[in-house]
Amino acid sequence: MQPAFVTNYGGPGRLKYVKADITLMVVGLEAQQIVEQQLALVRNTIVLILSRQNENNVVTSAGQERIRQQLLQGLHEAFTREVGVPLIEEVLFTNFIYQN
């Protein structure tokens, strides 16, 4: 997905940023077309989930895997609510950079 996702994360205090390049895997052309039509929903869901993260999730590989799983679950819920099926098979990070 382009452009990359850039958002602040963590709670109050010093601003911290995360930049993530994300690829979504779907099965079939129809699913791809529906996802492309719902890009605003996808981007909103991803930004909200990334911005809720704590520092431990962002800076550790285990935490980044938790974020990936949260993104997959959040997108499943959003697509099930909007179109009746989850559609997204996998969420992949192709780049993940953070600044504390």
PDB file of N, CA and C in Angstrom:
ATOM      1  N   MET A   1       0.846  -1.167   0.000  1.00  0.00           N
ATOM      2  CA  MET A   1       0.000   0.000   0.000  1.00  0.00           C
ATOM      3  C   MET A   1       0.895   1.234   0.000  1.00  0.00           C
ATOM      4  N   GLN A   2       0.543   2.154  -0.836  1.00  0.00           N
ATOM      5  CA  GLN A   2       1.291   3.400  -0.927  1.00  0.00           C
ATOM      6  C   GLN A   2       0.349   4.568  -0.682  1.00  0.00           C
ATOM      7  N   PRO A   3       0.749   5.585   0.006  1.00  0.00           N
ATOM      8  CA  PRO A   3       2.041   5.779   0.654  1.00  0.00           C
ATOM      9  C   PRO A   3       2.140   4.958   1.939  1.00  0.00           C
ATOM     10  N   ALA A   4       3.337   4.937   2.493  1.00  0.00           N
ATOM     11  CA  ALA A   4       3.569   4.225   3.752  1.00  0.00           C
ATOM     12  C   ALA A   4       2.746   4.865   4.862  1.00  0.00           C
ATOM     13  N   PHE A   5       2.519   4.110   5.912  1.00  0.00           N
ATOM     14  CA  PHE A   5       1.772   4.602   7.072  1.00  0.00           C
ATOM     15  C   PHE A   5       2.754   5.240   8.045  1.00  0.00           C
ATOM     16  N   VAL A   6       2.511   6.486   8.395  1.00  0.00           N
ATOM     17  CA  VAL A   6       3.332   7.199   9.375  1.00  0.00           C
ATOM     18  C   VAL A   6       2.385   7.776  10.409  1.00  0.00           C
ATOM     19  N   THR A   7       2.612   7.424  11.669  1.00  0.00           N
ATOM     20  CA  THR A   7       1.757   7.928  12.745  1.00  0.00           C
ATOM     21  C   THR A   7       2.549   7.969  14.043  1.00  0.00           C
ATOM     22  N   ASN A   8       2.062   8.766  14.978  1.00  0.00           N
ATOM     23  CA  ASN A   8       2.662   8.764  16.302  1.00  0.00           C
ATOM     24  C   ASN A   8       2.030   7.619  17.099  1.00  0.00           C
ATOM     25  N   TYR A   9       2.726   7.203  18.154  1.00  0.00           N
ATOM     26  CA  TYR A   9       2.223   6.114  18.992  1.00  0.00           C
ATOM     27  C   TYR A   9       2.604   6.388  20.431  1.00  0.00           C
ATOM     28  N   GLY A  10       2.107   5.545  21.309  1.00  0.00           N
ATOM     29  CA  GLY A  10       2.397   5.709  22.731  1.00  0.00           C
ATOM     30  C   GLY A  10       1.439   6.690  23.361  1.00  0.00           C
ATOM     31  N   GLY A  11       1.651   6.944  24.598  1.00  0.00           N
ATOM     32  CA  GLY A  11       0.759   7.823  25.340  1.00  0.00           C
ATOM     33  C   GLY A  11       1.277   9.242  25.402  1.00  0.00           C
ATOM     34  N   PRO A  12       0.912   9.911  26.481  1.00  0.00           N
ATOM     35  CA  PRO A  12       1.367  11.288  26.649  1.00  0.00           C
ATOM     36  C   PRO A  12       2.880  11.341  26.822  1.00  0.00           C
ATOM     37  N   GLY A  13       3.409  12.514  26.631  1.00  0.00           N
ATOM     38  CA  GLY A  13       4.848  12.692  26.751  1.00  0.00           C
ATOM     39  C   GLY A  13       5.462  12.966  25.396  1.00  0.00           C
ATOM     40  N   ARG A  14       6.708  12.625  25.289  1.00  0.00           N
ATOM     41  CA  ARG A  14       7.450  12.863  24.055  1.00  0.00           C
ATOM     42  C   ARG A  14       6.816  12.115  22.885  1.00  0.00           C
ATOM     43  N   LEU A  15       6.742  12.781  21.734  1.00  0.00           N
ATOM     44  CA  LEU A  15       6.157  12.150  20.553  1.00  0.00           C
ATOM     45  C   LEU A  15       7.078  11.059  20.017  1.00  0.00           C
ATOM     46  N   LYS A  16       6.478   9.951  19.659  1.00  0.00           N
ATOM     47  CA  LYS A  16       7.193   8.819  19.076  1.00  0.00           C
ATOM     48  C   LYS A  16       6.486   8.481  17.779  1.00  0.00           C
ATOM     49  N   TYR A  17       7.256   8.087  16.777  1.00  0.00           N
ATOM     50  CA  TYR A  17       6.680   7.841  15.468  1.00  0.00           C
ATOM     51  C   TYR A  17       6.991   6.440  14.979  1.00  0.00           C
ATOM     52  N   VAL A  18       6.078   5.905  14.178  1.00  0.00           N
ATOM     53  CA  VAL A  18       6.301   4.647  13.497  1.00  0.00           C
ATOM     54  C   VAL A  18       5.953   4.853  12.023  1.00  0.00           C
ATOM     55  N   LYS A  19       6.774   4.254  11.174  1.00  0.00           N
ATOM     56  CA  LYS A  19       6.520   4.253   9.734  1.00  0.00           C
ATOM     57  C   LYS A  19       6.488   2.795   9.302  1.00  0.00           C
ATOM     58  N   ALA A  20       5.404   2.400   8.661  1.00  0.00           N
ATOM     59  CA  ALA A  20       5.252   1.008   8.243  1.00  0.00           C
ATOM     60  C   ALA A  20       4.812   0.948   6.785  1.00  0.00           C
ATOM     61  N   ASP A  21       5.565   0.177   6.016  1.00  0.00           N
ATOM     62  CA  ASP A  21       5.137  -0.182   4.666  1.00  0.00           C
ATOM     63  C   ASP A  21       4.428  -1.520   4.801  1.00  0.00           C
ATOM     64  N   ILE A  22       3.198  -1.579   4.325  1.00  0.00           N
ATOM     65  CA  ILE A  22       2.352  -2.747   4.545  1.00  0.00           C
ATOM     66  C   ILE A  22       1.835  -3.274   3.219  1.00  0.00           C
ATOM     67  N   THR A  23       1.859  -4.600   3.090  1.00  0.00           N
ATOM     68  CA  THR A  23       1.268  -5.286   1.948  1.00  0.00           C
ATOM     69  C   THR A  23       0.141  -6.159   2.468  1.00  0.00           C
ATOM     70  N   LEU A  24      -0.999  -6.105   1.812  1.00  0.00           N
ATOM     71  CA  LEU A  24      -2.144  -6.945   2.162  1.00  0.00           C
ATOM     72  C   LEU A  24      -2.277  -8.057   1.138  1.00  0.00           C
ATOM     73  N   MET A  25      -2.474  -9.273   1.625  1.00  0.00           N
ATOM     74  CA  MET A  25      -2.683 -10.409   0.725  1.00  0.00           C
ATOM     75  C   MET A  25      -4.167 -10.763   0.714  1.00  0.00           C
ATOM     76  N   VAL A  26      -4.701 -10.925  -0.486  1.00  0.00           N
ATOM     77  CA  VAL A  26      -6.081 -11.360  -0.676  1.00  0.00           C
ATOM     78  C   VAL A  26      -6.083 -12.501  -1.685  1.00  0.00           C
ATOM     79  N   VAL A  27      -7.178 -13.242  -1.743  1.00  0.00           N
ATOM     80  CA  VAL A  27      -7.305 -14.329  -2.703  1.00  0.00           C
ATOM     81  C   VAL A  27      -8.363 -13.941  -3.728  1.00  0.00           C
ATOM     82  N   GLY A  28      -7.924 -13.812  -4.970  1.00  0.00           N
ATOM     83  CA  GLY A  28      -8.858 -13.566  -6.055  1.00  0.00           C
ATOM     84  C   GLY A  28      -8.979 -12.112  -6.457  1.00  0.00           C
ATOM     85  N   LEU A  29      -9.336 -11.931  -7.703  1.00  0.00           N
ATOM     86  CA  LEU A  29      -9.485 -10.612  -8.282  1.00  0.00           C
ATOM     87  C   LEU A  29     -10.657  -9.858  -7.675  1.00  0.00           C
ATOM     88  N   GLU A  30     -11.745 -10.548  -7.399  1.00  0.00           N
ATOM     89  CA  GLU A  30     -12.916  -9.890  -6.807  1.00  0.00           C
ATOM     90  C   GLU A  30     -12.579  -9.311  -5.437  1.00  0.00           C
ATOM     91  N   ALA A  31     -11.872 -10.091  -4.616  1.00  0.00           N
ATOM     92  CA  ALA A  31     -11.468  -9.605  -3.292  1.00  0.00           C
ATOM     93  C   ALA A  31     -10.542  -8.402  -3.429  1.00  0.00           C
ATOM     94  N   GLN A  32      -9.621  -8.453  -4.375  1.00  0.00           N
ATOM     95  CA  GLN A  32      -8.708  -7.336  -4.604  1.00  0.00           C
ATOM     96  C   GLN A  32      -9.475  -6.074  -4.981  1.00  0.00           C
ATOM     97  N   GLN A  33     -10.450  -6.206  -5.850  1.00  0.00           N
ATOM     98  CA  GLN A  33     -11.235  -5.053  -6.278  1.00  0.00           C
ATOM     99  C   GLN A  33     -12.029  -4.449  -5.122  1.00  0.00           C
ATOM    100  N   ILE A  34     -12.600  -5.302  -4.277  1.00  0.00           N
ATOM    101  CA  ILE A  34     -13.352  -4.804  -3.125  1.00  0.00           C
ATOM    102  C   ILE A  34     -12.430  -4.070  -2.166  1.00  0.00           C
ATOM    103  N   VAL A  35     -11.250  -4.638  -1.905  1.00  0.00           N
ATOM    104  CA  VAL A  35     -10.287  -3.991  -1.008  1.00  0.00           C
ATOM    105  C   VAL A  35      -9.871  -2.639  -1.589  1.00  0.00           C
ATOM    106  N   GLU A  36      -9.632  -2.577  -2.881  1.00  0.00           N
ATOM    107  CA  GLU A  36      -9.247  -1.313  -3.515  1.00  0.00           C
ATOM    108  C   GLU A  36     -10.363  -0.274  -3.403  1.00  0.00           C
ATOM    109  N   GLN A  37     -11.604  -0.708  -3.452  1.00  0.00           N
ATOM    110  CA  GLN A  37     -12.734   0.212  -3.300  1.00  0.00           C
ATOM    111  C   GLN A  37     -12.874   0.700  -1.862  1.00  0.00           C
ATOM    112  N   GLN A  38     -12.347  -0.047  -0.926  1.00  0.00           N
ATOM    113  CA  GLN A  38     -12.478   0.262   0.497  1.00  0.00           C
ATOM    114  C   GLN A  38     -11.163   0.767   1.103  1.00  0.00           C
ATOM    115  N   LEU A  39     -10.319   1.408   0.305  1.00  0.00           N
ATOM    116  CA  LEU A  39      -9.010   1.846   0.803  1.00  0.00           C
ATOM    117  C   LEU A  39      -9.110   2.813   1.975  1.00  0.00           C
ATOM    118  N   ALA A  40     -10.109   3.662   1.991  1.00  0.00           N
ATOM    119  CA  ALA A  40     -10.261   4.589   3.123  1.00  0.00           C
ATOM    120  C   ALA A  40     -10.490   3.806   4.417  1.00  0.00           C
ATOM    121  N   LEU A  41     -11.320   2.780   4.354  1.00  0.00           N
ATOM    122  CA  LEU A  41     -11.572   1.915   5.513  1.00  0.00           C
ATOM    123  C   LEU A  41     -10.279   1.224   5.946  1.00  0.00           C
ATOM    124  N   VAL A  42      -9.527   0.706   4.995  1.00  0.00           N
ATOM    125  CA  VAL A  42      -8.275   0.011   5.287  1.00  0.00           C
ATOM    126  C   VAL A  42      -7.284   0.967   5.957  1.00  0.00           C
ATOM    127  N   ARG A  43      -7.063   2.106   5.354  1.00  0.00           N
ATOM    128  CA  ARG A  43      -6.085   3.058   5.894  1.00  0.00           C
ATOM    129  C   ARG A  43      -6.492   3.544   7.281  1.00  0.00           C
ATOM    130  N   ASN A  44      -7.763   3.844   7.471  1.00  0.00           N
ATOM    131  CA  ASN A  44      -8.250   4.288   8.777  1.00  0.00           C
ATOM    132  C   ASN A  44      -8.023   3.215   9.836  1.00  0.00           C
ATOM    133  N   THR A  45      -8.372   1.988   9.525  1.00  0.00           N
ATOM    134  CA  THR A  45      -8.211   0.887  10.475  1.00  0.00           C
ATOM    135  C   THR A  45      -6.749   0.723  10.855  1.00  0.00           C
ATOM    136  N   ILE A  46      -5.848   0.751   9.873  1.00  0.00           N
ATOM    137  CA  ILE A  46      -4.426   0.567  10.138  1.00  0.00           C
ATOM    138  C   ILE A  46      -3.868   1.716  10.985  1.00  0.00           C
ATOM    139  N   VAL A  47      -4.196   2.944  10.641  1.00  0.00           N
ATOM    140  CA  VAL A  47      -3.682   4.098  11.405  1.00  0.00           C
ATOM    141  C   VAL A  47      -4.169   4.048  12.850  1.00  0.00           C
ATOM    142  N   LEU A  48      -5.444   3.733  13.049  1.00  0.00           N
ATOM    143  CA  LEU A  48      -5.965   3.668  14.418  1.00  0.00           C
ATOM    144  C   LEU A  48      -5.251   2.600  15.241  1.00  0.00           C
ATOM    145  N   ILE A  49      -5.004   1.455  14.646  1.00  0.00           N
ATOM    146  CA  ILE A  49      -4.333   0.372  15.377  1.00  0.00           C
ATOM    147  C   ILE A  49      -2.872   0.733  15.653  1.00  0.00           C
ATOM    148  N   LEU A  50      -2.172   1.273  14.664  1.00  0.00           N
ATOM    149  CA  LEU A  50      -0.772   1.660  14.881  1.00  0.00           C
ATOM    150  C   LEU A  50      -0.641   2.733  15.958  1.00  0.00           C
ATOM    151  N   SER A  51      -1.548   3.689  15.962  1.00  0.00           N
ATOM    152  CA  SER A  51      -1.434   4.798  16.918  1.00  0.00           C
ATOM    153  C   SER A  51      -1.742   4.376  18.353  1.00  0.00           C
ATOM    154  N   ARG A  52      -2.408   3.250  18.551  1.00  0.00           N
ATOM    155  CA  ARG A  52      -2.726   2.761  19.903  1.00  0.00           C
ATOM    156  C   ARG A  52      -1.592   1.968  20.542  1.00  0.00           C
ATOM    157  N   GLN A  53      -0.525   1.724  19.828  1.00  0.00           N
ATOM    158  CA  GLN A  53       0.520   0.830  20.310  1.00  0.00           C
ATOM    159  C   GLN A  53       1.357   1.443  21.414  1.00  0.00           C
ATOM    160  N   ASN A  54       1.892   0.570  22.266  1.00  0.00           N
ATOM    161  CA  ASN A  54       2.833   1.018  23.289  1.00  0.00           C
ATOM    162  C   ASN A  54       4.260   0.780  22.787  1.00  0.00           C
ATOM    163  N   GLU A  55       5.211   1.336  23.487  1.00  0.00           N
ATOM    164  CA  GLU A  55       6.603   1.264  23.047  1.00  0.00           C
ATOM    165  C   GLU A  55       7.111  -0.163  22.958  1.00  0.00           C
ATOM    166  N   ASN A  56       6.736  -1.023  23.881  1.00  0.00           N
ATOM    167  CA  ASN A  56       7.205  -2.405  23.878  1.00  0.00           C
ATOM    168  C   ASN A  56       6.781  -3.128  22.596  1.00  0.00           C
ATOM    169  N   ASN A  57       5.561  -2.898  22.137  1.00  0.00           N
ATOM    170  CA  ASN A  57       5.118  -3.542  20.904  1.00  0.00           C
ATOM    171  C   ASN A  57       5.899  -3.039  19.700  1.00  0.00           C
ATOM    172  N   VAL A  58       6.200  -1.770  19.670  1.00  0.00           N
ATOM    173  CA  VAL A  58       6.853  -1.184  18.505  1.00  0.00           C
ATOM    174  C   VAL A  58       8.317  -1.584  18.396  1.00  0.00           C
ATOM    175  N   VAL A  59       9.034  -1.646  19.502  1.00  0.00           N
ATOM    176  CA  VAL A  59      10.491  -1.816  19.442  1.00  0.00           C
ATOM    177  C   VAL A  59      10.960  -3.267  19.474  1.00  0.00           C
ATOM    178  N   THR A  60      10.097  -4.230  19.761  1.00  0.00           N
ATOM    179  CA  THR A  60      10.527  -5.631  19.801  1.00  0.00           C
ATOM    180  C   THR A  60       9.918  -6.408  18.644  1.00  0.00           C
ATOM    181  N   SER A  61      10.624  -7.438  18.226  1.00  0.00           N
ATOM    182  CA  SER A  61      10.100  -8.248  17.120  1.00  0.00           C
ATOM    183  C   SER A  61       8.833  -8.996  17.536  1.00  0.00           C
ATOM    184  N   ALA A  62       8.774  -9.448  18.778  1.00  0.00           N
ATOM    185  CA  ALA A  62       7.554 -10.111  19.256  1.00  0.00           C
ATOM    186  C   ALA A  62       6.384  -9.123  19.282  1.00  0.00           C
ATOM    187  N   GLY A  63       6.668  -7.902  19.677  1.00  0.00           N
ATOM    188  CA  GLY A  63       5.636  -6.877  19.689  1.00  0.00           C
ATOM    189  C   GLY A  63       5.169  -6.525  18.292  1.00  0.00           C
ATOM    190  N   GLN A  64       6.090  -6.466  17.355  1.00  0.00           N
ATOM    191  CA  GLN A  64       5.716  -6.186  15.975  1.00  0.00           C
ATOM    192  C   GLN A  64       4.839  -7.294  15.405  1.00  0.00           C
ATOM    193  N   GLU A  65       5.099  -8.514  15.805  1.00  0.00           N
ATOM    194  CA  GLU A  65       4.228  -9.621  15.392  1.00  0.00           C
ATOM    195  C   GLU A  65       2.836  -9.451  15.999  1.00  0.00           C
ATOM    196  N   ARG A  66       2.763  -8.994  17.254  1.00  0.00           N
ATOM    197  CA  ARG A  66       1.455  -8.725  17.864  1.00  0.00           C
ATOM    198  C   ARG A  66       0.722  -7.636  17.081  1.00  0.00           C
ATOM    199  N   ILE A  67       1.442  -6.595  16.674  1.00  0.00           N
ATOM    200  CA  ILE A  67       0.824  -5.531  15.888  1.00  0.00           C
ATOM    201  C   ILE A  67       0.285  -6.102  14.583  1.00  0.00           C
ATOM    202  N   ARG A  68       1.080  -6.936  13.919  1.00  0.00           N
ATOM    203  CA  ARG A  68       0.642  -7.547  12.660  1.00  0.00           C
ATOM    204  C   ARG A  68      -0.639  -8.345  12.858  1.00  0.00           C
ATOM    205  N   GLN A  69      -0.706  -9.104  13.936  1.00  0.00           N
ATOM    206  CA  GLN A  69      -1.908  -9.883  14.239  1.00  0.00           C
ATOM    207  C   GLN A  69      -3.093  -8.973  14.549  1.00  0.00           C
ATOM    208  N   GLN A  70      -2.848  -7.886  15.282  1.00  0.00           N
ATOM    209  CA  GLN A  70      -3.918  -6.923  15.579  1.00  0.00           C
ATOM    210  C   GLN A  70      -4.446  -6.283  14.298  1.00  0.00           C
ATOM    211  N   LEU A  71      -3.531  -5.965  13.377  1.00  0.00           N
ATOM    212  CA  LEU A  71      -3.953  -5.391  12.102  1.00  0.00           C
ATOM    213  C   LEU A  71      -4.816  -6.367  11.320  1.00  0.00           C
ATOM    214  N   LEU A  72      -4.392  -7.624  11.269  1.00  0.00           N
ATOM    215  CA  LEU A  72      -5.169  -8.642  10.561  1.00  0.00           C
ATOM    216  C   LEU A  72      -6.555  -8.787  11.184  1.00  0.00           C
ATOM    217  N   GLN A  73      -6.610  -8.876  12.510  1.00  0.00           N
ATOM    218  CA  GLN A  73      -7.890  -9.013  13.203  1.00  0.00           C
ATOM    219  C   GLN A  73      -8.766  -7.775  12.988  1.00  0.00           C
ATOM    220  N   GLY A  74      -8.176  -6.592  13.098  1.00  0.00           N
ATOM    221  CA  GLY A  74      -8.933  -5.353  12.900  1.00  0.00           C
ATOM    222  C   GLY A  74      -9.486  -5.233  11.494  1.00  0.00           C
ATOM    223  N   LEU A  75      -8.689  -5.614  10.501  1.00  0.00           N
ATOM    224  CA  LEU A  75      -9.162  -5.576   9.111  1.00  0.00           C
ATOM    225  C   LEU A  75     -10.239  -6.627   8.865  1.00  0.00           C
ATOM    226  N   HIS A  76     -10.079  -7.804   9.470  1.00  0.00           N
ATOM    227  CA  HIS A  76     -11.139  -8.826   9.364  1.00  0.00           C
ATOM    228  C   HIS A  76     -12.458  -8.277   9.894  1.00  0.00           C
ATOM    229  N   GLU A  77     -12.407  -7.659  11.061  1.00  0.00           N
ATOM    230  CA  GLU A  77     -13.627  -7.115  11.670  1.00  0.00           C
ATOM    231  C   GLU A  77     -14.219  -5.994  10.812  1.00  0.00           C
ATOM    232  N   ALA A  78     -13.381  -5.106  10.303  1.00  0.00           N
ATOM    233  CA  ALA A  78     -13.871  -3.991   9.495  1.00  0.00           C
ATOM    234  C   ALA A  78     -14.524  -4.480   8.206  1.00  0.00           C
ATOM    235  N   PHE A  79     -13.889  -5.432   7.528  1.00  0.00           N
ATOM    236  CA  PHE A  79     -14.457  -5.934   6.274  1.00  0.00           C
ATOM    237  C   PHE A  79     -15.694  -6.788   6.519  1.00  0.00           C
ATOM    238  N   THR A  80     -15.716  -7.539   7.585  1.00  0.00           N
ATOM    239  CA  THR A  80     -16.908  -8.321   7.909  1.00  0.00           C
ATOM    240  C   THR A  80     -18.079  -7.388   8.177  1.00  0.00           C
ATOM    241  N   ARG A  81     -17.834  -6.310   8.879  1.00  0.00           N
ATOM    242  CA  ARG A  81     -18.879  -5.333   9.175  1.00  0.00           C
ATOM    243  C   ARG A  81     -19.361  -4.630   7.900  1.00  0.00           C
ATOM    244  N   GLU A  82     -18.448  -4.280   6.997  1.00  0.00           N
ATOM    245  CA  GLU A  82     -18.796  -3.485   5.817  1.00  0.00           C
ATOM    246  C   GLU A  82     -19.301  -4.309   4.637  1.00  0.00           C
ATOM    247  N   VAL A  83     -18.667  -5.449   4.364  1.00  0.00           N
ATOM    248  CA  VAL A  83     -19.030  -6.218   3.164  1.00  0.00           C
ATOM    249  C   VAL A  83     -19.468  -7.652   3.454  1.00  0.00           C
ATOM    250  N   GLY A  84     -19.416  -8.051   4.715  1.00  0.00           N
ATOM    251  CA  GLY A  84     -19.920  -9.370   5.095  1.00  0.00           C
ATOM    252  C   GLY A  84     -18.909 -10.498   5.093  1.00  0.00           C
ATOM    253  N   VAL A  85     -17.692 -10.263   4.600  1.00  0.00           N
ATOM    254  CA  VAL A  85     -16.633 -11.285   4.615  1.00  0.00           C
ATOM    255  C   VAL A  85     -15.300 -10.627   4.964  1.00  0.00           C
ATOM    256  N   PRO A  86     -14.376 -11.366   5.599  1.00  0.00           N
ATOM    257  CA  PRO A  86     -13.131 -10.757   6.056  1.00  0.00           C
ATOM    258  C   PRO A  86     -12.162 -10.335   4.941  1.00  0.00           C
ATOM    259  N   LEU A  87     -12.112 -11.025   3.831  1.00  0.00           N
ATOM    260  CA  LEU A  87     -11.320 -10.711   2.627  1.00  0.00           C
ATOM    261  C   LEU A  87      -9.807 -10.741   2.783  1.00  0.00           C
ATOM    262  N   ILE A  88      -9.228 -10.153   3.803  1.00  0.00           N
ATOM    263  CA  ILE A  88      -7.773 -10.064   3.933  1.00  0.00           C
ATOM    264  C   ILE A  88      -7.232 -11.397   4.455  1.00  0.00           C
ATOM    265  N   GLU A  89      -6.311 -11.991   3.687  1.00  0.00           N
ATOM    266  CA  GLU A  89      -5.712 -13.268   4.090  1.00  0.00           C
ATOM    267  C   GLU A  89      -4.497 -13.076   5.001  1.00  0.00           C
ATOM    268  N   GLU A  90      -3.730 -12.017   4.718  1.00  0.00           N
ATOM    269  CA  GLU A  90      -2.503 -11.803   5.484  1.00  0.00           C
ATOM    270  C   GLU A  90      -2.095 -10.345   5.428  1.00  0.00           C
ATOM    271  N   VAL A  91      -1.450  -9.892   6.493  1.00  0.00           N
ATOM    272  CA  VAL A  91      -0.861  -8.553   6.561  1.00  0.00           C
ATOM    273  C   VAL A  91       0.642  -8.749   6.696  1.00  0.00           C
ATOM    274  N   LEU A  92       1.399  -8.094   5.819  1.00  0.00           N
ATOM    275  CA  LEU A  92       2.851  -8.232   5.831  1.00  0.00           C
ATOM    276  C   LEU A  92       3.499  -6.862   5.977  1.00  0.00           C
ATOM    277  N   PHE A  93       4.505  -6.770   6.841  1.00  0.00           N
ATOM    278  CA  PHE A  93       5.316  -5.564   6.932  1.00  0.00           C
ATOM    279  C   PHE A  93       6.460  -5.718   5.933  1.00  0.00           C
ATOM    280  N   THR A  94       6.613  -4.779   5.032  1.00  0.00           N
ATOM    281  CA  THR A  94       7.764  -4.797   4.134  1.00  0.00           C
ATOM    282  C   THR A  94       8.836  -3.822   4.610  1.00  0.00           C
ATOM    283  N   ASN A  95       8.466  -2.964   5.542  1.00  0.00           N
ATOM    284  CA  ASN A  95       9.398  -2.037   6.164  1.00  0.00           C
ATOM    285  C   ASN A  95       8.746  -1.564   7.461  1.00  0.00           C
ATOM    286  N   PHE A  96       9.518  -1.484   8.536  1.00  0.00           N
ATOM    287  CA  PHE A  96       8.967  -1.054   9.820  1.00  0.00           C
ATOM    288  C   PHE A  96      10.042  -0.251  10.540  1.00  0.00           C
ATOM    289  N   ILE A  97       9.826   1.044  10.662  1.00  0.00           N
ATOM    290  CA  ILE A  97      10.810   1.940  11.267  1.00  0.00           C
ATOM    291  C   ILE A  97      10.122   2.714  12.387  1.00  0.00           C
ATOM    292  N   TYR A  98      10.813   2.866  13.500  1.00  0.00           N
ATOM    293  CA  TYR A  98      10.257   3.646  14.601  1.00  0.00           C
ATOM    294  C   TYR A  98      11.276   4.639  15.113  1.00  0.00           C
ATOM    295  N   GLN A  99      10.761   5.697  15.737  1.00  0.00           N
ATOM    296  CA  GLN A  99      11.598   6.707  16.373  1.00  0.00           C
ATOM    297  C   GLN A  99      11.055   6.957  17.760  1.00  0.00           C
ATOM    298  N   ASN A 100      11.894   6.756  18.764  1.00  0.00           N
ATOM    299  CA  ASN A 100      11.492   6.985  20.161  1.00  0.00           C
ATOM    300  C   ASN A 100      11.788   8.414  20.547  1.00  0.00           C
TER     301      ASN A 100
END
